[in-house]
Amino acid sequence: MQTIKLRSRGTSVSYLQELLGKLGYQIPVTGYFGDLTDAAVKSFQLKNNLVSDGEVGIKTWTILIEKTKPAVTLGDKFLSEQDLKDFAQKHDLELAAVKAVNEVESSGKGFFVDGRPKILFEGHVFWDQLKKAEIDPTTLSNASNADVLYKKWTKSHYVGGTREYDRMEKAAGLAADPRVRAAALASASWGSYQIMGYHAAKLRYASVQEFVDQMYVHERNQLEAFGRYITEFGCIAALRSKNWAAFAKCYNGSGYAANKYDIKMANAYQKFSN
């Protein structure tokens, strides 16, 4: 885990605040390591015979995770039948269609075993996001960070699982400029439906950080983002009419047929209809 302290920002801070909240500390999950978080960390360190310096390094992370394992039940963050019913009603969709899409388009579950949302970091997107933030990516690019900042897509740098957070945090730390961190968060796909962070503004989140914070909360928050996505990009009409090919093309892109997304959803819909 990344070492963080007073005035740190990002997803590691959000995760820290979530863990401290599970232990009874009354601090909001903001993604910013402010005075309240600093005081809570020092208190936790004192109570657990650690050096009370406010720095959350490997020792503090280890004890925090150990202490919260019994309290953090991933099952409490999973979608329920009622969540899907509520989503169907909200968007005027048939429940069987919602279940079919959820089965095919979700990644199975929205969280890693440590409670953080599933992500996949894309270094070529990071390159583009830096440019959009008016930062020249060539000024940050060198051999030591070629695994997180590159011009063209390649799967050769994927490491999978929670180690994708290491890549994202490495990218976020390439410069102290907050625009670099925001670009890094925007360059990962998040949660059950692997929605890219750079869609945050279009999906009516105040910032990419707010979007990320919501992805930490519950799979229903990830489902909410999915609903915003298919509404914003016009996929929802195809889902209402059960036009699986049109929906798959809208959501998965023109290569949907190679993975038979439309066929898989049609079969799943038939199963849930019965």
C-alpha atoms as a PDB file:
ATOM      1  CA  MET A   1       0.000   0.000   0.000  1.00  0.00           C
ATOM      2  CA  GLN A   2       1.067   3.569  -0.695  1.00  0.00           C
ATOM      3  CA  THR A   3       2.361   5.564   2.297  1.00  0.00           C
ATOM      4  CA  ILE A   4       0.060   8.534   2.865  1.00  0.00           C
ATOM      5  CA  LYS A   5      -0.031  11.376   5.395  1.00  0.00           C
ATOM      6  CA  LEU A   6      -1.427  14.853   6.068  1.00  0.00           C
ATOM      7  CA  ARG A   7      -2.427  16.622   2.817  1.00  0.00           C
ATOM      8  CA  SER A   8      -2.289  13.430   0.725  1.00  0.00           C
ATOM      9  CA  ARG A   9      -5.123  12.965  -1.757  1.00  0.00           C
ATOM     10  CA  GLY A  10      -6.656  10.171  -3.760  1.00  0.00           C
ATOM     11  CA  THR A  11      -8.204   6.741  -3.637  1.00  0.00           C
ATOM     12  CA  SER A  12      -5.824   5.428  -0.975  1.00  0.00           C
ATOM     13  CA  VAL A  13      -7.014   8.221   1.329  1.00  0.00           C
ATOM     14  CA  SER A  14     -10.650   7.357   0.574  1.00  0.00           C
ATOM     15  CA  TYR A  15      -9.924   3.725   1.426  1.00  0.00           C
ATOM     16  CA  LEU A  16      -8.190   4.776   4.662  1.00  0.00           C
ATOM     17  CA  GLN A  17     -11.158   6.934   5.649  1.00  0.00           C
ATOM     18  CA  GLU A  18     -13.564   4.101   4.912  1.00  0.00           C
ATOM     19  CA  LEU A  19     -11.580   1.741   7.161  1.00  0.00           C
ATOM     20  CA  LEU A  20     -11.381   4.302   9.958  1.00  0.00           C
ATOM     21  CA  GLY A  21     -15.133   4.825   9.649  1.00  0.00           C
ATOM     22  CA  LYS A  22     -15.653   1.099  10.160  1.00  0.00           C
ATOM     23  CA  LEU A  23     -13.729   1.453  13.426  1.00  0.00           C
ATOM     24  CA  GLY A  24     -16.011   4.210  14.667  1.00  0.00           C
ATOM     25  CA  TYR A  25     -14.063   7.321  13.711  1.00  0.00           C
ATOM     26  CA  GLN A  26     -16.468  10.033  12.557  1.00  0.00           C
ATOM     27  CA  ILE A  27     -14.719  11.278   9.423  1.00  0.00           C
ATOM     28  CA  PRO A  28     -16.167  11.778   5.928  1.00  0.00           C
ATOM     29  CA  VAL A  29     -14.826   9.868   2.934  1.00  0.00           C
ATOM     30  CA  THR A  30     -13.453  12.804   0.953  1.00  0.00           C
ATOM     31  CA  GLY A  31     -10.230  11.483  -0.548  1.00  0.00           C
ATOM     32  CA  TYR A  32      -8.320  14.292   1.216  1.00  0.00           C
ATOM     33  CA  PHE A  33      -6.087  13.628   4.251  1.00  0.00           C
ATOM     34  CA  GLY A  34      -7.007  16.620   6.400  1.00  0.00           C
ATOM     35  CA  ASP A  35      -6.774  17.391  10.094  1.00  0.00           C
ATOM     36  CA  LEU A  36      -9.708  15.124  11.059  1.00  0.00           C
ATOM     37  CA  THR A  37      -8.136  12.156   9.296  1.00  0.00           C
ATOM     38  CA  ASP A  38      -4.737  12.987  10.809  1.00  0.00           C
ATOM     39  CA  ALA A  39      -6.189  13.021  14.329  1.00  0.00           C
ATOM     40  CA  ALA A  40      -8.022   9.727  13.728  1.00  0.00           C
ATOM     41  CA  VAL A  41      -4.874   8.056  12.400  1.00  0.00           C
ATOM     42  CA  LYS A  42      -2.794   9.202  15.375  1.00  0.00           C
ATOM     43  CA  SER A  43      -5.496   7.989  17.760  1.00  0.00           C
ATOM     44  CA  PHE A  44      -5.636   4.618  16.016  1.00  0.00           C
ATOM     45  CA  GLN A  45      -1.853   4.301  16.127  1.00  0.00           C
ATOM     46  CA  LEU A  46      -1.761   5.049  19.877  1.00  0.00           C
ATOM     47  CA  LYS A  47      -4.468   2.503  20.595  1.00  0.00           C
ATOM     48  CA  ASN A  48      -2.600  -0.168  18.662  1.00  0.00           C
ATOM     49  CA  ASN A  49       0.921   0.377  20.061  1.00  0.00           C
ATOM     50  CA  LEU A  50       2.254   1.986  16.904  1.00  0.00           C
ATOM     51  CA  VAL A  51       4.336   5.122  16.549  1.00  0.00           C
ATOM     52  CA  SER A  52       1.777   7.930  16.557  1.00  0.00           C
ATOM     53  CA  ASP A  53       3.177   9.999  13.703  1.00  0.00           C
ATOM     54  CA  GLY A  54       0.117  10.268  11.448  1.00  0.00           C
ATOM     55  CA  GLU A  55       1.867   8.516   8.579  1.00  0.00           C
ATOM     56  CA  VAL A  56       0.004   5.515   7.188  1.00  0.00           C
ATOM     57  CA  GLY A  57       2.690   3.121   6.011  1.00  0.00           C
ATOM     58  CA  ILE A  58       2.916  -0.658   5.825  1.00  0.00           C
ATOM     59  CA  LYS A  59       2.587  -1.226   9.589  1.00  0.00           C
ATOM     60  CA  THR A  60      -0.464   0.997  10.026  1.00  0.00           C
ATOM     61  CA  TRP A  61      -2.096  -0.391   6.868  1.00  0.00           C
ATOM     62  CA  THR A  62      -1.516  -3.952   8.101  1.00  0.00           C
ATOM     63  CA  ILE A  63      -3.149  -3.353  11.490  1.00  0.00           C
ATOM     64  CA  LEU A  64      -5.993  -1.340   9.950  1.00  0.00           C
ATOM     65  CA  ILE A  65      -6.858  -4.112   7.508  1.00  0.00           C
ATOM     66  CA  GLU A  66      -6.565  -6.783  10.214  1.00  0.00           C
ATOM     67  CA  LYS A  67      -8.823  -4.811  12.563  1.00  0.00           C
ATOM     68  CA  THR A  68     -11.481  -4.190   9.948  1.00  0.00           C
ATOM     69  CA  LYS A  69     -11.621  -7.623   8.335  1.00  0.00           C
ATOM     70  CA  PRO A  70     -14.395  -8.869  10.652  1.00  0.00           C
ATOM     71  CA  ALA A  71     -16.351  -5.641  10.172  1.00  0.00           C
ATOM     72  CA  VAL A  72     -15.899  -5.229   6.412  1.00  0.00           C
ATOM     73  CA  THR A  73     -18.209  -7.825   4.894  1.00  0.00           C
ATOM     74  CA  LEU A  74     -18.052  -7.612   1.144  1.00  0.00           C
ATOM     75  CA  GLY A  75     -21.486  -9.185   0.973  1.00  0.00           C
ATOM     76  CA  ASP A  76     -22.868  -5.958   2.445  1.00  0.00           C
ATOM     77  CA  LYS A  77     -21.653  -4.171  -0.694  1.00  0.00           C
ATOM     78  CA  PHE A  78     -23.175  -6.559  -3.238  1.00  0.00           C
ATOM     79  CA  LEU A  79     -26.260  -5.961  -5.365  1.00  0.00           C
ATOM     80  CA  SER A  80     -29.518  -7.428  -4.106  1.00  0.00           C
ATOM     81  CA  GLU A  81     -32.659  -8.468  -5.948  1.00  0.00           C
ATOM     82  CA  GLN A  82     -34.298  -5.284  -4.684  1.00  0.00           C
ATOM     83  CA  ASP A  83     -31.499  -3.138  -6.122  1.00  0.00           C
ATOM     84  CA  LEU A  84     -32.191  -4.568  -9.591  1.00  0.00           C
ATOM     85  CA  LYS A  85     -35.960  -4.138  -9.149  1.00  0.00           C
ATOM     86  CA  ASP A  86     -35.474  -0.512  -8.135  1.00  0.00           C
ATOM     87  CA  PHE A  87     -33.195   0.076 -11.130  1.00  0.00           C
ATOM     88  CA  ALA A  88     -35.719  -1.487 -13.521  1.00  0.00           C
ATOM     89  CA  GLN A  89     -38.539   0.653 -12.134  1.00  0.00           C
ATOM     90  CA  LYS A  90     -36.477   3.850 -12.186  1.00  0.00           C
ATOM     91  CA  HIS A  91     -35.472   3.416 -15.831  1.00  0.00           C
ATOM     92  CA  ASP A  92     -38.736   1.864 -17.086  1.00  0.00           C
ATOM     93  CA  LEU A  93     -37.052  -1.437 -17.952  1.00  0.00           C
ATOM     94  CA  GLU A  94     -38.158  -5.044 -17.757  1.00  0.00           C
ATOM     95  CA  LEU A  95     -36.561  -6.765 -14.767  1.00  0.00           C
ATOM     96  CA  ALA A  96     -35.502  -9.771 -16.858  1.00  0.00           C
ATOM     97  CA  ALA A  97     -33.693  -7.426 -19.254  1.00  0.00           C
ATOM     98  CA  VAL A  98     -31.900  -5.703 -16.383  1.00  0.00           C
ATOM     99  CA  LYS A  99     -30.833  -9.064 -14.971  1.00  0.00           C
ATOM    100  CA  ALA A 100     -29.605 -10.186 -18.389  1.00  0.00           C
ATOM    101  CA  VAL A 101     -27.454  -7.094 -18.860  1.00  0.00           C
ATOM    102  CA  ASN A 102     -26.162  -7.291 -15.302  1.00  0.00           C
ATOM    103  CA  GLU A 103     -25.146 -10.915 -15.796  1.00  0.00           C
ATOM    104  CA  VAL A 104     -23.296 -10.312 -19.078  1.00  0.00           C
ATOM    105  CA  GLU A 105     -21.909  -6.807 -18.674  1.00  0.00           C
ATOM    106  CA  SER A 106     -20.854  -6.814 -15.022  1.00  0.00           C
ATOM    107  CA  SER A 107     -17.457  -8.188 -14.059  1.00  0.00           C
ATOM    108  CA  GLY A 108     -18.958 -10.654 -11.569  1.00  0.00           C
ATOM    109  CA  LYS A 109     -18.492  -8.392  -8.576  1.00  0.00           C
ATOM    110  CA  GLY A 110     -17.462  -4.791  -8.204  1.00  0.00           C
ATOM    111  CA  PHE A 111     -14.828  -5.135  -5.482  1.00  0.00           C
ATOM    112  CA  PHE A 112     -11.504  -6.809  -4.877  1.00  0.00           C
ATOM    113  CA  VAL A 113     -11.237  -8.922  -1.743  1.00  0.00           C
ATOM    114  CA  ASP A 114      -9.694  -5.996   0.169  1.00  0.00           C
ATOM    115  CA  GLY A 115     -12.869  -3.945  -0.348  1.00  0.00           C
ATOM    116  CA  ARG A 116     -11.578  -1.593  -3.028  1.00  0.00           C
ATOM    117  CA  PRO A 117     -13.454  -1.245  -6.338  1.00  0.00           C
ATOM    118  CA  LYS A 118     -12.185  -3.273  -9.268  1.00  0.00           C
ATOM    119  CA  ILE A 119     -10.134  -1.164 -11.658  1.00  0.00           C
ATOM    120  CA  LEU A 120      -8.043  -1.489 -14.792  1.00  0.00           C
ATOM    121  CA  PHE A 121      -5.569   1.310 -15.446  1.00  0.00           C
ATOM    122  CA  GLU A 122      -4.970   2.415 -19.044  1.00  0.00           C
ATOM    123  CA  GLY A 123      -1.640   4.140 -19.692  1.00  0.00           C
ATOM    124  CA  HIS A 124      -2.570   5.295 -23.190  1.00  0.00           C
ATOM    125  CA  VAL A 125      -5.698   6.968 -21.804  1.00  0.00           C
ATOM    126  CA  PHE A 126      -3.501   8.634 -19.174  1.00  0.00           C
ATOM    127  CA  TRP A 127      -1.433  10.083 -22.008  1.00  0.00           C
ATOM    128  CA  ASP A 128      -4.558  11.581 -23.592  1.00  0.00           C
ATOM    129  CA  GLN A 129      -5.982  12.806 -20.279  1.00  0.00           C
ATOM    130  CA  LEU A 130      -2.765  14.669 -19.509  1.00  0.00           C
ATOM    131  CA  LYS A 131      -3.015  16.401 -22.876  1.00  0.00           C
ATOM    132  CA  LYS A 132      -6.629  17.364 -22.153  1.00  0.00           C
ATOM    133  CA  ALA A 133      -5.438  18.829 -18.840  1.00  0.00           C
ATOM    134  CA  GLU A 134      -2.937  20.905 -20.857  1.00  0.00           C
ATOM    135  CA  ILE A 135       0.046  18.929 -19.570  1.00  0.00           C
ATOM    136  CA  ASP A 136       2.561  17.729 -22.136  1.00  0.00           C
ATOM    137  CA  PRO A 137       2.917  13.968 -21.430  1.00  0.00           C
ATOM    138  CA  THR A 138       6.355  13.876 -23.027  1.00  0.00           C
ATOM    139  CA  THR A 139       7.676  15.984 -20.138  1.00  0.00           C
ATOM    140  CA  LEU A 140       6.711  13.210 -17.694  1.00  0.00           C
ATOM    141  CA  SER A 141       7.572  10.222 -19.866  1.00  0.00           C
ATOM    142  CA  ASN A 142      10.744   8.223 -19.286  1.00  0.00           C
ATOM    143  CA  ALA A 143      11.922   4.615 -19.136  1.00  0.00           C
ATOM    144  CA  SER A 144      11.030   4.218 -15.451  1.00  0.00           C
ATOM    145  CA  ASN A 145       7.347   4.962 -15.985  1.00  0.00           C
ATOM    146  CA  ALA A 146       6.852   3.388 -19.394  1.00  0.00           C
ATOM    147  CA  ASP A 147       4.430   0.926 -17.771  1.00  0.00           C
ATOM    148  CA  VAL A 148       1.945   3.674 -16.840  1.00  0.00           C
ATOM    149  CA  LEU A 149       2.411   6.359 -19.493  1.00  0.00           C
ATOM    150  CA  TYR A 150       2.474   5.414 -23.180  1.00  0.00           C
ATOM    151  CA  LYS A 151       1.011   6.773 -26.385  1.00  0.00           C
ATOM    152  CA  LYS A 152      -0.708   3.711 -27.878  1.00  0.00           C
ATOM    153  CA  TRP A 153      -2.816   0.966 -26.342  1.00  0.00           C
ATOM    154  CA  THR A 154      -1.078  -2.241 -25.330  1.00  0.00           C
ATOM    155  CA  LYS A 155      -2.057  -4.975 -22.901  1.00  0.00           C
ATOM    156  CA  SER A 156       1.572  -5.776 -22.113  1.00  0.00           C
ATOM    157  CA  HIS A 157       1.581  -3.582 -18.995  1.00  0.00           C
ATOM    158  CA  TYR A 158      -1.567  -4.972 -17.391  1.00  0.00           C
ATOM    159  CA  VAL A 159      -0.795  -6.676 -14.076  1.00  0.00           C
ATOM    160  CA  GLY A 160      -4.355  -7.424 -12.955  1.00  0.00           C
ATOM    161  CA  GLY A 161      -6.020  -7.506  -9.564  1.00  0.00           C
ATOM    162  CA  THR A 162      -5.166  -5.030  -6.829  1.00  0.00           C
ATOM    163  CA  ARG A 163      -1.769  -4.350  -8.404  1.00  0.00           C
ATOM    164  CA  GLU A 164      -3.579  -2.134 -10.892  1.00  0.00           C
ATOM    165  CA  TYR A 165      -3.869   0.316  -7.982  1.00  0.00           C
ATOM    166  CA  ASP A 166      -0.068   0.369  -7.771  1.00  0.00           C
ATOM    167  CA  ARG A 167       0.083   1.390 -11.431  1.00  0.00           C
ATOM    168  CA  MET A 168      -2.559   4.060 -10.968  1.00  0.00           C
ATOM    169  CA  GLU A 169      -0.870   5.512  -7.897  1.00  0.00           C
ATOM    170  CA  LYS A 170       2.470   5.481  -9.700  1.00  0.00           C
ATOM    171  CA  ALA A 171       0.884   7.494 -12.506  1.00  0.00           C
ATOM    172  CA  ALA A 172      -0.778   9.871 -10.050  1.00  0.00           C
ATOM    173  CA  GLY A 173       2.571  10.512  -8.386  1.00  0.00           C
ATOM    174  CA  LEU A 174       4.479  11.528 -11.515  1.00  0.00           C
ATOM    175  CA  ALA A 175       4.044  15.183 -10.515  1.00  0.00           C
ATOM    176  CA  ALA A 176       2.661  17.121  -7.563  1.00  0.00           C
ATOM    177  CA  ASP A 177       0.206  18.888  -9.851  1.00  0.00           C
ATOM    178  CA  PRO A 178      -3.361  17.874  -8.810  1.00  0.00           C
ATOM    179  CA  ARG A 179      -4.275  17.706 -12.485  1.00  0.00           C
ATOM    180  CA  VAL A 180      -1.970  14.695 -12.807  1.00  0.00           C
ATOM    181  CA  ARG A 181      -3.807  12.806 -10.052  1.00  0.00           C
ATOM    182  CA  ALA A 182      -7.172  13.647 -11.586  1.00  0.00           C
ATOM    183  CA  ALA A 183      -5.899  12.436 -14.963  1.00  0.00           C
ATOM    184  CA  ALA A 184      -4.757   9.158 -13.382  1.00  0.00           C
ATOM    185  CA  LEU A 185      -8.158   8.544 -11.749  1.00  0.00           C
ATOM    186  CA  ALA A 186      -9.832   9.362 -15.055  1.00  0.00           C
ATOM    187  CA  SER A 187      -7.658   6.796 -16.845  1.00  0.00           C
ATOM    188  CA  ALA A 188      -8.956   3.738 -14.992  1.00  0.00           C
ATOM    189  CA  SER A 189     -12.168   1.802 -15.533  1.00  0.00           C
ATOM    190  CA  TRP A 190     -14.118   1.310 -12.302  1.00  0.00           C
ATOM    191  CA  GLY A 191     -16.415  -1.180 -10.629  1.00  0.00           C
ATOM    192  CA  SER A 192     -18.722  -3.916 -11.850  1.00  0.00           C
ATOM    193  CA  TYR A 193     -19.373  -2.233 -15.188  1.00  0.00           C
ATOM    194  CA  GLN A 194     -15.821  -0.930 -15.729  1.00  0.00           C
ATOM    195  CA  ILE A 195     -16.860   2.636 -16.516  1.00  0.00           C
ATOM    196  CA  MET A 196     -13.953   4.920 -17.342  1.00  0.00           C
ATOM    197  CA  GLY A 197     -13.277   7.717 -14.889  1.00  0.00           C
ATOM    198  CA  TYR A 198     -13.097  10.296 -17.663  1.00  0.00           C
ATOM    199  CA  HIS A 199     -16.871   9.958 -18.116  1.00  0.00           C
ATOM    200  CA  ALA A 200     -17.453  11.478 -14.651  1.00  0.00           C
ATOM    201  CA  ALA A 201     -18.513  14.923 -15.854  1.00  0.00           C
ATOM    202  CA  LYS A 202     -20.851  13.582 -18.546  1.00  0.00           C
ATOM    203  CA  LEU A 203     -22.424  11.298 -15.964  1.00  0.00           C
ATOM    204  CA  ARG A 204     -23.166  14.314 -13.747  1.00  0.00           C
ATOM    205  CA  TYR A 205     -20.564  13.765 -11.053  1.00  0.00           C
ATOM    206  CA  ALA A 206     -19.041  16.941  -9.665  1.00  0.00           C
ATOM    207  CA  SER A 207     -15.525  15.639 -10.256  1.00  0.00           C
ATOM    208  CA  VAL A 208     -13.675  12.451 -11.065  1.00  0.00           C
ATOM    209  CA  GLN A 209     -12.864  12.194  -7.341  1.00  0.00           C
ATOM    210  CA  GLU A 210     -16.573  12.213  -6.470  1.00  0.00           C
ATOM    211  CA  PHE A 211     -17.168   9.494  -9.065  1.00  0.00           C
ATOM    212  CA  VAL A 212     -14.364   7.387  -7.559  1.00  0.00           C
ATOM    213  CA  ASP A 213     -15.667   7.900  -4.032  1.00  0.00           C
ATOM    214  CA  GLN A 214     -19.090   6.656  -5.140  1.00  0.00           C
ATOM    215  CA  MET A 215     -17.517   3.545  -6.657  1.00  0.00           C
ATOM    216  CA  TYR A 216     -16.161   2.676  -3.203  1.00  0.00           C
ATOM    217  CA  VAL A 217     -19.552   2.718  -1.494  1.00  0.00           C
ATOM    218  CA  HIS A 218     -21.621  -0.181  -2.874  1.00  0.00           C
ATOM    219  CA  GLU A 219     -22.344  -2.086  -6.072  1.00  0.00           C
ATOM    220  CA  ARG A 220     -25.653  -0.211  -6.274  1.00  0.00           C
ATOM    221  CA  ASN A 221     -23.627   3.002  -6.664  1.00  0.00           C
ATOM    222  CA  GLN A 222     -21.776   1.309  -9.505  1.00  0.00           C
ATOM    223  CA  LEU A 223     -25.148   0.296 -10.974  1.00  0.00           C
ATOM    224  CA  GLU A 224     -26.260   3.917 -10.676  1.00  0.00           C
ATOM    225  CA  ALA A 225     -23.231   4.977 -12.742  1.00  0.00           C
ATOM    226  CA  PHE A 226     -24.082   2.293 -15.292  1.00  0.00           C
ATOM    227  CA  GLY A 227     -27.629   3.649 -15.526  1.00  0.00           C
ATOM    228  CA  ARG A 228     -26.328   7.152 -16.077  1.00  0.00           C
ATOM    229  CA  TYR A 229     -23.968   5.853 -18.757  1.00  0.00           C
ATOM    230  CA  ILE A 230     -26.544   3.976 -20.825  1.00  0.00           C
ATOM    231  CA  THR A 231     -28.903   6.944 -20.542  1.00  0.00           C
ATOM    232  CA  GLU A 232     -26.301   9.536 -21.516  1.00  0.00           C
ATOM    233  CA  PHE A 233     -24.992   7.525 -24.477  1.00  0.00           C
ATOM    234  CA  GLY A 234     -28.392   6.441 -25.776  1.00  0.00           C
ATOM    235  CA  CYS A 235     -28.123   2.710 -25.092  1.00  0.00           C
ATOM    236  CA  ILE A 236     -31.210   2.560 -22.908  1.00  0.00           C
ATOM    237  CA  ALA A 237     -33.722   2.675 -25.799  1.00  0.00           C
ATOM    238  CA  ALA A 238     -32.230  -0.511 -27.229  1.00  0.00           C
ATOM    239  CA  LEU A 239     -32.409  -2.132 -23.806  1.00  0.00           C
ATOM    240  CA  ARG A 240     -36.097  -1.194 -23.439  1.00  0.00           C
ATOM    241  CA  SER A 241     -36.869  -2.807 -26.808  1.00  0.00           C
ATOM    242  CA  LYS A 242     -34.590  -5.795 -26.076  1.00  0.00           C
ATOM    243  CA  ASN A 243     -32.617  -5.093 -29.247  1.00  0.00           C
ATOM    244  CA  TRP A 244     -29.559  -6.913 -27.957  1.00  0.00           C
ATOM    245  CA  ALA A 245     -27.351  -6.264 -30.976  1.00  0.00           C
ATOM    246  CA  ALA A 246     -28.021  -2.517 -30.833  1.00  0.00           C
ATOM    247  CA  PHE A 247     -27.435  -2.421 -27.085  1.00  0.00           C
ATOM    248  CA  ALA A 248     -24.223  -4.433 -27.335  1.00  0.00           C
ATOM    249  CA  LYS A 249     -22.933  -2.180 -30.119  1.00  0.00           C
ATOM    250  CA  CYS A 250     -23.735   0.924 -28.076  1.00  0.00           C
ATOM    251  CA  TYR A 251     -22.174  -0.348 -24.847  1.00  0.00           C
ATOM    252  CA  ASN A 252     -19.362  -2.617 -26.073  1.00  0.00           C
ATOM    253  CA  GLY A 253     -18.487  -0.997 -29.385  1.00  0.00           C
ATOM    254  CA  SER A 254     -18.499  -2.232 -32.954  1.00  0.00           C
ATOM    255  CA  GLY A 255     -16.544  -5.376 -32.055  1.00  0.00           C
ATOM    256  CA  TYR A 256     -19.334  -6.717 -29.837  1.00  0.00           C
ATOM    257  CA  ALA A 257     -20.110  -9.626 -32.189  1.00  0.00           C
ATOM    258  CA  ALA A 258     -16.655 -11.147 -31.761  1.00  0.00           C
ATOM    259  CA  ASN A 259     -17.448 -11.748 -28.086  1.00  0.00           C
ATOM    260  CA  LYS A 260     -21.108 -12.632 -28.789  1.00  0.00           C
ATOM    261  CA  TYR A 261     -22.347 -10.097 -26.249  1.00  0.00           C
ATOM    262  CA  ASP A 262     -25.708  -9.826 -28.013  1.00  0.00           C
ATOM    263  CA  ILE A 263     -26.214 -13.592 -28.052  1.00  0.00           C
ATOM    264  CA  LYS A 264     -25.184 -13.919 -24.415  1.00  0.00           C
ATOM    265  CA  MET A 265     -27.669 -11.235 -23.362  1.00  0.00           C
ATOM    266  CA  ALA A 266     -30.467 -12.745 -25.447  1.00  0.00           C
ATOM    267  CA  ASN A 267     -29.864 -16.135 -23.838  1.00  0.00           C
ATOM    268  CA  ALA A 268     -29.698 -14.607 -20.358  1.00  0.00           C
ATOM    269  CA  TYR A 269     -32.908 -12.684 -20.985  1.00  0.00           C
ATOM    270  CA  GLN A 270     -34.665 -15.885 -22.032  1.00  0.00           C
ATOM    271  CA  LYS A 271     -33.464 -17.575 -18.851  1.00  0.00           C
ATOM    272  CA  PHE A 272     -34.666 -14.788 -16.571  1.00  0.00           C
ATOM    273  CA  SER A 273     -37.966 -14.427 -18.470  1.00  0.00           C
ATOM    274  CA  ASN A 274     -38.730 -18.054 -17.742  1.00  0.00           C
END
